[in-house]
Amino acid sequence: MDENRSSKPVLNFLIPFLVAYLGSKGIFYYFSFEYSVFSDAFDIKKLLIDLGVFAVLFYLGTILAKYLINTKSKPVQ
């Protein structure tokens, strides 16, 4: 069986998504950054900032989820 596969696929997506969503909201609130893709005028710089912060936090959340799932699923010796 592939070791990278988890028996909890929902957690593999939910944890990184929550980290990215809540983290980006907190960062943008702290820096007073406001950009709505659907209602504001198109601005490539703001769009890249918005997507970039979300992507970096999603990646960090993926690392966190793998760590948490691996530590929970290890047998106690």
Protein backbone atom coordinates (compact mmCIF):
# COMPACT_ATOMS: atom_id res chain seq x y z
CA MET A 1 0.00 0.00 0.00
CA ASP A 2 1.21 3.50 -0.75
CA GLU A 3 2.48 5.20 2.40
CA ASN A 4 1.42 8.68 1.23
CA ARG A 5 -2.24 7.66 1.13
CA SER A 6 -4.27 8.33 4.21
CA SER A 7 -7.32 6.52 5.43
CA LYS A 8 -8.85 9.94 6.12
CA PRO A 9 -9.12 11.75 2.77
CA VAL A 10 -11.51 14.35 4.19
CA LEU A 11 -8.92 15.48 6.72
CA ASN A 12 -6.28 15.65 3.98
CA PHE A 13 -8.32 18.44 2.39
CA LEU A 14 -10.21 19.95 5.31
CA ILE A 15 -7.22 20.78 7.53
CA PRO A 16 -5.21 22.57 4.80
CA PHE A 17 -8.30 24.39 3.55
CA LEU A 18 -9.21 25.68 7.01
CA VAL A 19 -5.61 26.72 7.69
CA ALA A 20 -5.44 28.55 4.35
CA TYR A 21 -8.87 30.18 4.58
CA LEU A 22 -8.69 31.34 8.19
CA GLY A 23 -5.00 32.23 7.94
CA SER A 24 -5.47 34.35 4.83
CA LYS A 25 -8.47 36.12 6.39
CA GLY A 26 -6.38 36.88 9.49
CA ILE A 27 -3.38 38.08 7.50
CA PHE A 28 -5.51 40.26 5.24
CA TYR A 29 -7.34 41.73 8.25
CA TYR A 30 -4.04 42.49 9.98
CA PHE A 31 -2.66 44.30 6.91
CA SER A 32 -6.01 45.89 5.92
CA PHE A 33 -5.87 44.19 2.53
CA GLU A 34 -9.24 44.06 0.79
CA TYR A 35 -9.84 42.45 -2.58
CA SER A 36 -12.93 40.65 -3.80
CA VAL A 37 -12.34 38.81 -7.06
CA PHE A 38 -15.99 38.97 -8.11
CA SER A 39 -17.01 42.49 -7.12
CA ASP A 40 -13.84 44.62 -7.40
CA ALA A 41 -12.20 45.70 -10.64
CA PHE A 42 -9.63 43.25 -12.02
CA ASP A 43 -6.19 43.93 -10.56
CA ILE A 44 -3.51 41.35 -11.34
CA LYS A 45 -1.28 42.37 -8.41
CA LYS A 46 -4.03 41.98 -5.84
CA LEU A 47 -5.19 38.73 -7.42
CA LEU A 48 -1.67 37.27 -7.26
CA ILE A 49 -1.30 38.36 -3.64
CA ASP A 50 -4.66 36.81 -2.76
CA LEU A 51 -3.97 33.51 -4.52
CA GLY A 52 -0.32 33.38 -3.42
CA VAL A 53 -1.09 33.78 0.27
CA PHE A 54 -3.83 31.16 0.04
CA ALA A 55 -1.55 28.73 -1.83
CA VAL A 56 1.34 29.09 0.63
CA LEU A 57 -0.95 28.61 3.62
CA PHE A 58 -2.63 25.63 1.94
CA TYR A 59 0.79 24.05 1.42
CA LEU A 60 1.72 24.64 5.07
CA GLY A 61 -1.64 23.19 6.09
CA THR A 62 -0.92 20.10 3.98
CA ILE A 63 2.36 19.58 5.83
CA LEU A 64 0.54 20.04 9.15
CA ALA A 65 -2.19 17.57 8.18
CA LYS A 66 0.32 14.92 7.14
CA TYR A 67 2.17 15.36 10.42
CA LEU A 68 -1.01 15.16 12.51
CA ILE A 69 -2.38 12.15 10.67
CA ASN A 70 0.93 10.28 10.80
CA THR A 71 1.38 10.89 14.53
CA LYS A 72 -2.19 9.82 15.27
CA SER A 73 -1.96 6.66 13.19
CA LYS A 74 1.38 5.38 14.56
CA PRO A 75 0.98 2.38 16.84
CA VAL A 76 2.00 2.80 20.46
CA GLN A 77 4.94 0.65 21.45
